[in-house]
Amino acid sequence: MCREPAQEIRQKKDLLVVSHIDADGLTSAAIICTALERAGLNYRPIFFRQLDEPALDEISDYNPDLVIFTDLGSGMIQQICDRALAAVVVDHHKPASSQARPMAHINPHLVGADGALHLSGSGTSFLLARALAATSEGNDDLAALAVVGAVGDLQDMAHGRLTGINRHILEIGSKAGAVSFGRDIKLFGRQTRPVYKMLEYSQDPYLPGLSGNEDACIAFLREIGIRLGGERWRRWIDLSQDEKANLVSAIIRKGLRSGLAAAKLERLIGEVYVLLSEQEGTELRDASEYSTLLNATARYGHAQIGLSVCMGDRDRAFSEAQRLLSQHRQNLVNGLKLVAERGITCLQSIQYFDAGESIQDTIVGIVAGMSFQMADRSRPILAFARTEGGDLKVSARGTQDLVRSGLDLADALSVSARGVGGVGGGHNVAAGATIPAPAQQKFLELVDGAVGRQLGL
């Protein structure tokens, strides 16, 4: 699939790598940039919130010999080709219908795989990077970054593990000694968070009596005999195997007593991914924490910081990324407080909140996903935020249960956005759109109807 574009790339001199500003986009760009660097090729990375006409104008102004689009581009194939850009599109989002053909288009949907579940943008980029390698096993270590990108796109959540082509990439990374995997607790923060904070911020599953209640989490741990720590709070990685087993059993018992379905409690345990070359106890050791660190850079206009971390800078770039992560966490807390204050409006098939200018449009989707802890999980949630240009950024999040019932947010938002003069796309469980501000009400009506038809409501 990737050998022919790899040959074309090796012949180019002025390469532009264009990517998206999330964890999957950053790891996608880092994989390709590292592969180009190892091949002795010059490149320039550039990042966009979304690929639209103004972005293509900026790309064209560079007059590159070749553009490699990573984690975006499949929805703009026609526009890319209309500009006569020599382009390789390496993406995993649903492609727009088009008769145009770039130099190469690498996308799991083109071979019958699910880009929301079976292969991320970084995974697709890894396949190309592997084809660019000078030896048969060259660039296999980059599989670790592909795993980070897939986890950042929540592709391990539907089945509690990576599946499809992602599985193949994981096994390549494991064989290369870059990443290990195994079953463990799935709560976020295993490497860096105090155990009580892991419980407090648990969202999937939501733990009645614990989630959102710091004092209750501390009391619970003391009650079951888990030592909290002395000068430093103990993290999950600091617990013994007996303590871990005791804690998981206690959480399950408490959840069942609170009426939580056994199926939801099963999500406590799943496959986790450890980057073996990274220092234990840091955000970079765990794929989930690594992806959150990356989101804290690119979504605030510091994509180059995140890219540098992905490409090995453990000094200045990593320190700056940790500082940005601290700010990011506070912004998310503030965002959740805002949603709690303003409330969530329910329609027939969907629910939504409007953050206005109070939550940055680059993180409103993350806040939307986190808001399920106070929302109705039987409906997808939409979040609106005002962009710098005055349009509305829409981020939509669903659950895997809703997807199994027929939800496809990518289709719902894409069709509805076009209906009001905007653009949209993404995946079945998570999608986004940009629409004119005056069209908000009409857009909501269209999405509500589309989702209702998907779910048979």
Protein backbone atom coordinates (compact mmCIF):
# COMPACT_ATOMS: atom_id res chain seq x y z
CA MET A 1 0.00 0.00 0.00
CA CYS A 2 2.84 2.41 0.84
CA ARG A 3 5.83 1.36 -1.30
CA GLU A 4 4.99 3.47 -4.37
CA PRO A 5 4.44 6.77 -2.47
CA ALA A 6 7.61 6.05 -0.51
CA GLN A 7 9.58 5.89 -3.74
CA GLU A 8 8.06 9.19 -4.89
CA ILE A 9 8.85 10.86 -1.56
CA ARG A 10 12.53 9.88 -1.73
CA GLN A 11 12.85 11.78 -5.00
CA LYS A 12 11.53 15.08 -3.60
CA LYS A 13 13.65 17.84 -2.07
CA ASP A 14 11.30 20.43 -0.57
CA LEU A 15 8.84 18.54 1.64
CA LEU A 16 6.03 20.06 3.70
CA VAL A 17 4.45 17.92 6.43
CA VAL A 18 0.95 19.16 7.29
CA SER A 19 -0.85 17.80 10.32
CA HIS A 20 -3.64 18.29 12.86
CA ILE A 21 -3.39 19.82 16.36
CA ASP A 22 -4.21 16.88 18.59
CA ALA A 23 -2.27 13.93 19.99
CA ASP A 24 -2.90 11.80 16.92
CA GLY A 25 -1.89 14.65 14.62
CA LEU A 26 1.32 15.36 16.55
CA THR A 27 2.38 11.71 16.65
CA SER A 28 1.49 11.36 12.96
CA ALA A 29 3.71 14.30 12.08
CA ALA A 30 6.52 13.10 14.37
CA ILE A 31 6.51 9.64 12.80
CA ILE A 32 6.78 11.05 9.27
CA CYS A 33 9.29 13.76 10.22
CA THR A 34 11.51 11.22 11.98
CA ALA A 35 11.32 8.87 9.00
CA LEU A 36 12.23 11.71 6.62
CA GLU A 37 15.09 12.78 8.88
CA ARG A 38 16.46 9.25 8.97
CA ALA A 39 16.21 9.09 5.19
CA GLY A 40 18.26 12.31 4.90
CA LEU A 41 15.38 14.35 3.48
CA ASN A 42 14.61 17.97 4.30
CA TYR A 43 11.15 18.79 5.61
CA ARG A 44 9.13 21.56 7.22
CA PRO A 45 6.23 20.76 9.60
CA ILE A 46 3.13 22.93 9.79
CA PHE A 47 -0.07 22.43 11.81
CA PHE A 48 -3.72 23.45 11.37
CA ARG A 49 -6.85 23.30 13.50
CA GLN A 50 -8.69 22.18 10.39
CA LEU A 51 -7.92 21.84 6.73
CA ASP A 52 -9.99 24.39 4.83
CA GLU A 53 -9.54 26.79 1.92
CA PRO A 54 -7.50 29.39 3.89
CA ALA A 55 -5.23 26.58 5.11
CA LEU A 56 -4.74 25.36 1.55
CA ASP A 57 -3.95 28.94 0.50
CA GLU A 58 -1.19 29.05 3.12
CA ILE A 59 0.14 25.65 2.06
CA SER A 60 0.20 26.70 -1.60
CA ASP A 61 2.17 29.84 -0.71
CA TYR A 62 5.06 27.62 0.44
CA ASN A 63 5.26 26.27 -3.13
CA PRO A 64 6.47 22.87 -1.85
CA ASP A 65 7.87 20.10 -3.99
CA LEU A 66 5.57 17.71 -2.15
CA VAL A 67 3.01 17.96 0.67
CA ILE A 68 2.48 15.04 3.05
CA PHE A 69 -0.86 15.45 4.85
CA THR A 70 -1.06 13.44 8.07
CA ASP A 71 -4.22 12.90 10.15
CA LEU A 72 -6.15 15.17 7.81
CA GLY A 73 -6.75 15.68 4.10
CA SER A 74 -9.19 12.91 3.17
CA GLY A 75 -12.12 15.30 3.42
CA MET A 76 -10.44 17.81 1.07
CA ILE A 77 -9.10 15.58 -1.71
CA GLN A 78 -10.90 17.50 -4.45
CA GLN A 79 -9.69 20.89 -3.19
CA ILE A 80 -6.12 19.62 -2.83
CA CYS A 81 -6.10 18.32 -6.38
CA ASP A 82 -7.80 21.44 -7.75
CA ARG A 83 -4.74 23.39 -6.58
CA ALA A 84 -2.43 21.00 -8.40
CA LEU A 85 -0.55 20.27 -5.18
CA ALA A 86 1.74 17.27 -5.37
CA ALA A 87 0.33 15.50 -2.33
CA VAL A 88 0.40 12.30 -0.34
CA VAL A 89 -2.61 12.12 1.97
CA VAL A 90 -2.11 9.89 5.03
CA ASP A 91 -5.33 9.98 7.02
CA HIS A 92 -7.95 7.86 8.80
CA HIS A 93 -11.04 10.07 8.70
CA LYS A 94 -13.89 9.22 6.36
CA PRO A 95 -12.95 10.37 2.85
CA ALA A 96 -15.20 12.80 1.04
CA SER A 97 -16.67 11.54 -2.21
CA SER A 98 -14.39 12.71 -5.01
CA GLN A 99 -13.16 11.61 -8.41
CA ALA A 100 -9.87 13.45 -7.87
CA ARG A 101 -6.73 11.48 -7.09
CA PRO A 102 -3.63 12.83 -5.31
CA MET A 103 -0.21 11.23 -5.79
CA ALA A 104 -1.22 8.76 -3.07
CA HIS A 105 -4.14 8.45 -0.67
CA ILE A 106 -3.55 6.11 2.29
CA ASN A 107 -6.64 5.63 4.43
CA PRO A 108 -8.08 2.56 6.20
CA HIS A 109 -11.59 3.32 4.92
CA LEU A 110 -10.33 2.73 1.37
CA VAL A 111 -9.60 -0.92 2.23
CA GLY A 112 -12.69 -1.58 4.30
CA ALA A 113 -11.21 -0.87 7.76
CA ASP A 114 -12.74 1.46 10.34
CA GLY A 115 -10.69 4.62 10.86
CA ALA A 116 -12.39 5.28 14.19
CA LEU A 117 -11.44 1.88 15.59
CA HIS A 118 -8.92 -0.10 13.56
CA LEU A 119 -6.29 2.48 12.57
CA SER A 120 -5.42 6.01 13.68
CA GLY A 121 -3.75 8.78 11.69
CA SER A 122 -0.47 8.00 13.43
CA GLY A 123 -0.89 4.32 12.60
CA THR A 124 -1.43 5.16 8.93
CA SER A 125 1.65 7.38 9.08
CA PHE A 126 3.62 4.53 10.63
CA LEU A 127 2.80 2.28 7.68
CA LEU A 128 4.26 4.90 5.33
CA ALA A 129 7.28 5.47 7.59
CA ARG A 130 7.96 1.75 7.57
CA ALA A 131 7.94 1.78 3.78
CA LEU A 132 10.41 4.68 3.84
CA ALA A 133 12.89 2.76 6.01
CA ALA A 134 16.20 1.66 4.56
CA THR A 135 15.93 -1.79 6.18
CA SER A 136 13.06 -4.21 6.71
CA GLU A 137 12.84 -3.39 10.43
CA GLY A 138 13.83 0.25 10.19
CA ASN A 139 11.45 2.71 11.86
CA ASP A 140 9.71 -0.13 13.74
CA ASP A 141 10.47 1.72 16.98
CA LEU A 142 8.09 4.45 15.80
CA ALA A 143 5.23 2.04 16.47
CA ALA A 144 5.28 3.35 20.05
CA LEU A 145 4.20 6.79 18.82
CA ALA A 146 1.51 5.18 16.69
CA VAL A 147 0.14 3.52 19.82
CA VAL A 148 0.12 6.89 21.63
CA GLY A 149 -1.82 8.44 18.75
CA ALA A 150 -4.35 5.59 18.65
CA VAL A 151 -4.90 5.81 22.40
CA GLY A 152 -5.20 9.59 22.11
CA ASP A 153 -8.03 8.98 19.63
CA LEU A 154 -9.61 6.55 22.14
CA GLN A 155 -9.35 3.63 19.72
CA ASP A 156 -8.71 1.22 22.59
CA MET A 157 -11.95 2.06 24.39
CA ALA A 158 -14.57 0.13 22.42
CA HIS A 159 -13.08 -3.29 23.24
CA GLY A 160 -10.71 -2.37 26.06
CA ARG A 161 -7.76 -2.98 23.74
CA LEU A 162 -6.37 -1.98 20.36
CA THR A 163 -7.77 -4.04 17.51
CA GLY A 164 -7.53 -4.34 13.74
CA ILE A 165 -4.45 -2.88 12.05
CA ASN A 166 -3.63 -1.13 15.32
CA ARG A 167 -3.04 -4.59 16.78
CA HIS A 168 -0.54 -5.41 14.09
CA ILE A 169 1.33 -2.17 14.74
CA LEU A 170 1.32 -2.85 18.49
CA GLU A 171 2.90 -6.24 17.92
CA ILE A 172 5.56 -4.67 15.69
CA GLY A 173 6.37 -2.17 18.44
CA SER A 174 6.49 -4.92 21.04
CA LYS A 175 8.87 -6.99 18.95
CA ALA A 176 11.07 -3.90 18.48
CA GLY A 177 11.22 -3.42 22.27
CA ALA A 178 9.53 -0.03 22.04
CA VAL A 179 6.24 -0.73 23.79
CA SER A 180 4.77 -3.35 26.10
CA PHE A 181 1.13 -4.14 26.78
CA GLY A 182 -0.91 -6.02 29.33
CA ARG A 183 -4.10 -5.95 31.38
CA ASP A 184 -4.31 -3.45 34.21
CA ILE A 185 -6.62 -0.81 35.63
CA LYS A 186 -7.74 1.60 32.90
CA LEU A 187 -8.22 4.69 35.06
CA PHE A 188 -6.19 7.66 33.87
CA GLY A 189 -2.98 8.61 35.67
CA ARG A 190 -1.38 5.29 36.56
CA GLN A 191 2.11 6.76 36.30
CA THR A 192 1.73 10.22 37.80
CA ARG A 193 -1.51 10.72 39.74
CA PRO A 194 -2.06 9.94 43.42
CA VAL A 195 -4.41 6.95 43.63
CA TYR A 196 -7.21 9.00 45.19
CA LYS A 197 -7.06 11.39 42.23
CA MET A 198 -7.41 8.47 39.81
CA LEU A 199 -10.66 7.59 41.55
CA GLU A 200 -11.87 11.17 41.86
CA TYR A 201 -11.52 11.86 38.14
CA SER A 202 -12.86 8.50 36.93
CA GLN A 203 -15.43 9.04 34.17
CA ASP A 204 -15.63 5.74 32.29
CA PRO A 205 -16.89 4.14 34.38
CA TYR A 206 -18.39 6.84 36.55
CA LEU A 207 -18.04 5.60 40.14
CA PRO A 208 -21.02 6.61 42.30
CA GLY A 209 -19.89 8.02 45.63
CA LEU A 210 -16.30 8.41 44.43
CA SER A 211 -16.12 10.22 41.08
CA GLY A 212 -15.89 13.96 41.69
CA ASN A 213 -15.51 13.62 45.48
CA GLU A 214 -11.93 13.93 46.73
CA ASP A 215 -12.74 13.45 50.43
CA ALA A 216 -14.79 10.34 49.72
CA CYS A 217 -11.95 8.82 47.66
CA ILE A 218 -9.41 9.38 50.45
CA ALA A 219 -11.80 7.93 53.03
CA PHE A 220 -12.49 4.92 50.80
CA LEU A 221 -8.79 4.13 50.42
CA ARG A 222 -8.24 4.37 54.15
CA GLU A 223 -11.25 2.18 54.81
CA ILE A 224 -9.87 -0.68 52.68
CA GLY A 225 -6.38 -0.35 54.13
CA ILE A 226 -4.53 1.33 51.25
CA ARG A 227 -1.71 3.44 52.66
CA LEU A 228 -1.89 6.91 51.07
CA GLY A 229 1.75 7.86 51.52
CA GLY A 230 3.98 10.04 53.64
CA GLU A 231 5.68 13.07 52.14
CA ARG A 232 4.42 12.01 48.71
CA TRP A 233 1.03 10.58 47.79
CA ARG A 234 1.30 7.05 46.44
CA ARG A 235 0.52 6.43 42.79
CA TRP A 236 -0.84 3.29 41.18
CA ILE A 237 2.67 2.22 40.17
CA ASP A 238 3.72 2.47 43.84
CA LEU A 239 1.16 -0.10 45.03
CA SER A 240 1.94 -3.78 45.50
CA GLN A 241 0.09 -6.37 43.42
CA ASP A 242 -1.95 -7.35 46.50
CA GLU A 243 -2.92 -3.72 47.10
CA LYS A 244 -3.95 -3.31 43.46
CA ALA A 245 -6.09 -6.45 43.55
CA ASN A 246 -7.67 -5.35 46.84
CA LEU A 247 -8.50 -1.90 45.46
CA VAL A 248 -10.06 -3.19 42.24
CA SER A 249 -12.18 -5.70 44.17
CA ALA A 250 -13.32 -2.98 46.57
CA ILE A 251 -14.27 -0.65 43.69
CA ILE A 252 -16.31 -3.39 42.04
CA ARG A 253 -18.11 -4.24 45.29
CA LYS A 254 -18.90 -0.56 45.92
CA GLY A 255 -20.07 -0.09 42.35
CA LEU A 256 -22.40 -3.08 42.46
CA ARG A 257 -23.86 -1.92 45.79
CA SER A 258 -24.50 1.49 44.16
CA GLY A 259 -26.43 -0.14 41.32
CA LEU A 260 -23.70 0.21 38.67
CA ALA A 261 -24.10 -2.39 35.92
CA ALA A 262 -21.49 -5.14 35.86
CA ALA A 263 -20.81 -4.36 32.19
CA LYS A 264 -19.76 -0.84 33.10
CA LEU A 265 -17.51 -2.06 35.90
CA GLU A 266 -15.79 -4.40 33.47
CA ARG A 267 -14.33 -1.30 31.81
CA LEU A 268 -12.19 -0.79 34.92
CA ILE A 269 -9.77 -3.38 33.59
CA GLY A 270 -8.34 -3.43 30.11
CA GLU A 271 -5.18 -3.29 28.10
CA VAL A 272 -2.64 -0.57 28.89
CA TYR A 273 0.45 0.47 26.94
CA VAL A 274 3.88 1.29 28.36
CA LEU A 275 6.61 3.05 26.38
CA LEU A 276 9.69 1.15 27.44
CA SER A 277 12.28 3.80 26.56
CA GLU A 278 10.64 6.43 28.76
CA GLN A 279 11.32 7.07 32.45
CA GLU A 280 8.93 5.41 34.87
CA GLY A 281 6.73 7.84 36.78
CA THR A 282 6.58 10.40 33.97
CA GLU A 283 3.71 11.25 31.63
CA LEU A 284 5.66 9.76 28.73
CA ARG A 285 5.77 6.25 30.17
CA ASP A 286 2.03 5.63 29.70
CA ALA A 287 0.37 6.01 26.29
CA SER A 288 -2.77 7.62 27.70
CA GLU A 289 -0.90 10.21 29.77
CA TYR A 290 1.50 10.87 26.89
CA SER A 291 -1.41 11.68 24.59
CA THR A 292 -2.89 14.09 27.13
CA LEU A 293 0.46 15.87 27.45
CA LEU A 294 0.52 16.31 23.66
CA ASN A 295 -3.01 17.70 23.60
CA ALA A 296 -1.88 20.28 26.15
CA THR A 297 0.68 21.63 23.67
CA ALA A 298 -0.89 21.70 20.22
CA ARG A 299 -4.37 22.75 21.29
CA TYR A 300 -2.90 25.94 22.76
CA GLY A 301 -0.85 26.92 19.74
CA HIS A 302 2.36 25.11 20.77
CA ALA A 303 2.39 22.21 18.33
CA GLN A 304 6.14 22.57 17.80
CA ILE A 305 6.69 21.87 21.51
CA GLY A 306 4.68 18.66 21.26
CA LEU A 307 6.45 17.66 18.07
CA SER A 308 9.84 18.18 19.71
CA VAL A 309 8.79 15.97 22.63
CA CYS A 310 7.68 13.24 20.24
CA MET A 311 11.02 13.49 18.43
CA GLY A 312 13.04 13.03 21.61
CA ASP A 313 13.56 16.39 23.36
CA ARG A 314 13.47 15.53 27.07
CA ASP A 315 14.88 18.85 28.27
CA ARG A 316 13.41 22.25 27.33
CA ALA A 317 10.48 20.95 25.26
CA PHE A 318 9.42 18.36 27.82
CA SER A 319 9.59 20.85 30.68
CA GLU A 320 7.51 23.35 28.72
CA ALA A 321 5.02 20.63 27.82
CA GLN A 322 4.62 19.74 31.51
CA ARG A 323 3.96 23.40 32.30
CA LEU A 324 1.34 23.58 29.56
CA LEU A 325 -0.21 20.36 30.85
CA SER A 326 -0.71 21.92 34.28
CA GLN A 327 -2.51 24.86 32.68
CA HIS A 328 -4.53 22.50 30.47
CA ARG A 329 -5.80 20.56 33.48
CA GLN A 330 -6.93 23.76 35.16
CA ASN A 331 -8.69 24.86 31.97
CA LEU A 332 -10.57 21.56 31.84
CA VAL A 333 -11.63 21.92 35.47
CA ASN A 334 -12.85 25.46 34.74
CA GLY A 335 -14.66 24.19 31.65
CA LEU A 336 -16.51 21.53 33.63
CA LYS A 337 -17.50 24.11 36.24
CA LEU A 338 -18.90 26.31 33.46
CA VAL A 339 -20.96 23.44 32.06
CA ALA A 340 -22.29 22.66 35.54
CA GLU A 341 -23.30 26.30 36.03
CA ARG A 342 -24.89 26.82 32.61
CA GLY A 343 -26.40 23.39 32.33
CA ILE A 344 -26.90 21.02 29.41
CA THR A 345 -29.95 21.40 27.16
CA CYS A 346 -31.67 18.20 26.01
CA LEU A 347 -33.43 17.85 22.65
CA GLN A 348 -35.20 14.73 21.42
CA SER A 349 -32.07 12.84 20.32
CA ILE A 350 -29.11 14.97 21.39
CA GLN A 351 -27.99 17.28 24.18
CA TYR A 352 -25.77 20.34 24.01
CA PHE A 353 -24.15 23.25 25.78
CA ASP A 354 -22.90 26.57 24.42
CA ALA A 355 -19.59 27.73 25.91
CA GLY A 356 -19.46 30.95 23.89
CA GLU A 357 -15.99 32.41 24.33
CA SER A 358 -15.51 30.95 27.82
CA ILE A 359 -13.91 27.69 26.63
CA GLN A 360 -11.32 27.63 23.86
CA ASP A 361 -12.62 26.04 20.71
CA THR A 362 -9.56 23.76 20.62
CA ILE A 363 -10.46 22.04 23.92
CA VAL A 364 -14.26 22.27 23.98
CA GLY A 365 -14.47 18.74 22.57
CA ILE A 366 -12.46 17.38 25.49
CA VAL A 367 -14.76 19.19 27.91
CA ALA A 368 -17.75 17.74 26.06
CA GLY A 369 -16.47 14.20 26.54
CA MET A 370 -15.76 14.82 30.22
CA SER A 371 -19.23 16.32 30.67
CA PHE A 372 -20.83 12.89 30.32
CA GLN A 373 -20.27 12.56 34.07
CA MET A 374 -23.13 15.06 34.53
CA ALA A 375 -25.03 14.39 31.31
CA ASP A 376 -27.46 11.83 29.90
CA ARG A 377 -25.37 8.98 28.44
CA SER A 378 -28.29 7.88 26.25
CA ARG A 379 -27.77 10.92 23.99
CA PRO A 380 -24.63 12.23 22.23
CA ILE A 381 -23.47 15.59 23.51
CA LEU A 382 -22.63 18.63 21.36
CA ALA A 383 -20.56 21.59 22.51
CA PHE A 384 -20.37 25.01 20.86
CA ALA A 385 -17.54 27.51 21.18
CA ARG A 386 -16.89 30.78 19.38
CA THR A 387 -13.82 30.83 17.13
CA GLU A 388 -11.50 33.80 16.61
CA GLY A 389 -13.16 34.41 13.25
CA GLY A 390 -16.64 34.58 14.75
CA ASP A 391 -17.89 31.19 13.52
CA LEU A 392 -19.03 28.42 15.82
CA LYS A 393 -16.84 25.39 16.44
CA VAL A 394 -18.96 22.32 17.16
CA SER A 395 -17.55 19.27 18.92
CA ALA A 396 -19.70 16.17 19.33
CA ARG A 397 -19.03 13.13 21.51
CA GLY A 398 -20.91 9.88 21.84
CA THR A 399 -20.37 6.59 23.65
CA GLN A 400 -19.50 3.16 22.31
CA ASP A 401 -22.93 1.97 23.47
CA LEU A 402 -24.53 4.60 21.21
CA VAL A 403 -22.29 3.65 18.29
CA ARG A 404 -23.38 0.03 18.70
CA SER A 405 -26.97 1.32 18.47
CA GLY A 406 -26.27 3.01 15.14
CA LEU A 407 -24.79 6.42 16.02
CA ASP A 408 -22.50 7.96 13.38
CA LEU A 409 -21.59 11.49 14.42
CA ALA A 410 -19.30 11.99 11.43
CA ASP A 411 -22.19 11.52 9.04
CA ALA A 412 -24.66 13.51 11.16
CA LEU A 413 -22.37 16.52 11.56
CA SER A 414 -21.05 16.46 8.01
CA VAL A 415 -24.51 16.45 6.41
CA SER A 416 -25.96 18.94 8.91
CA ALA A 417 -23.04 21.35 8.58
CA ARG A 418 -23.32 21.35 4.79
CA GLY A 419 -27.00 22.13 5.23
CA VAL A 420 -26.15 25.44 6.91
CA GLY A 421 -23.10 26.39 4.84
CA GLY A 422 -20.48 24.87 7.12
CA VAL A 423 -18.12 21.89 7.08
CA GLY A 424 -17.92 18.86 9.34
CA GLY A 425 -16.61 15.34 9.70
CA GLY A 426 -14.70 12.98 11.96
CA HIS A 427 -15.61 9.57 13.36
CA ASN A 428 -18.76 7.77 14.45
CA VAL A 429 -18.07 8.33 18.16
CA ALA A 430 -16.45 11.78 17.92
CA ALA A 431 -16.83 14.45 15.26
CA GLY A 432 -16.62 18.17 14.72
CA ALA A 433 -17.88 20.98 12.52
CA THR A 434 -17.52 24.69 11.87
CA ILE A 435 -20.72 26.59 11.09
CA PRO A 436 -21.85 30.22 10.76
CA ALA A 437 -22.97 31.53 14.15
CA PRO A 438 -26.51 32.55 13.00
CA ALA A 439 -27.13 28.98 11.81
CA GLN A 440 -26.82 27.37 15.25
CA GLN A 441 -30.51 26.65 15.81
CA LYS A 442 -31.05 25.23 12.33
CA PHE A 443 -27.93 23.11 12.71
CA LEU A 444 -29.20 21.70 16.02
CA GLU A 445 -32.50 20.78 14.40
CA LEU A 446 -30.71 19.00 11.55
CA VAL A 447 -28.36 17.07 13.86
CA ASP A 448 -31.20 16.15 16.20
CA GLY A 449 -33.16 14.73 13.28
CA ALA A 450 -30.16 12.89 11.82
CA VAL A 451 -29.18 11.28 15.12
CA GLY A 452 -32.82 10.38 15.80
CA ARG A 453 -33.00 8.51 12.50
CA GLN A 454 -29.71 6.72 13.22
CA LEU A 455 -30.88 5.57 16.65
CA GLY A 456 -34.43 4.86 15.56
CA LEU A 457 -35.94 7.39 17.97
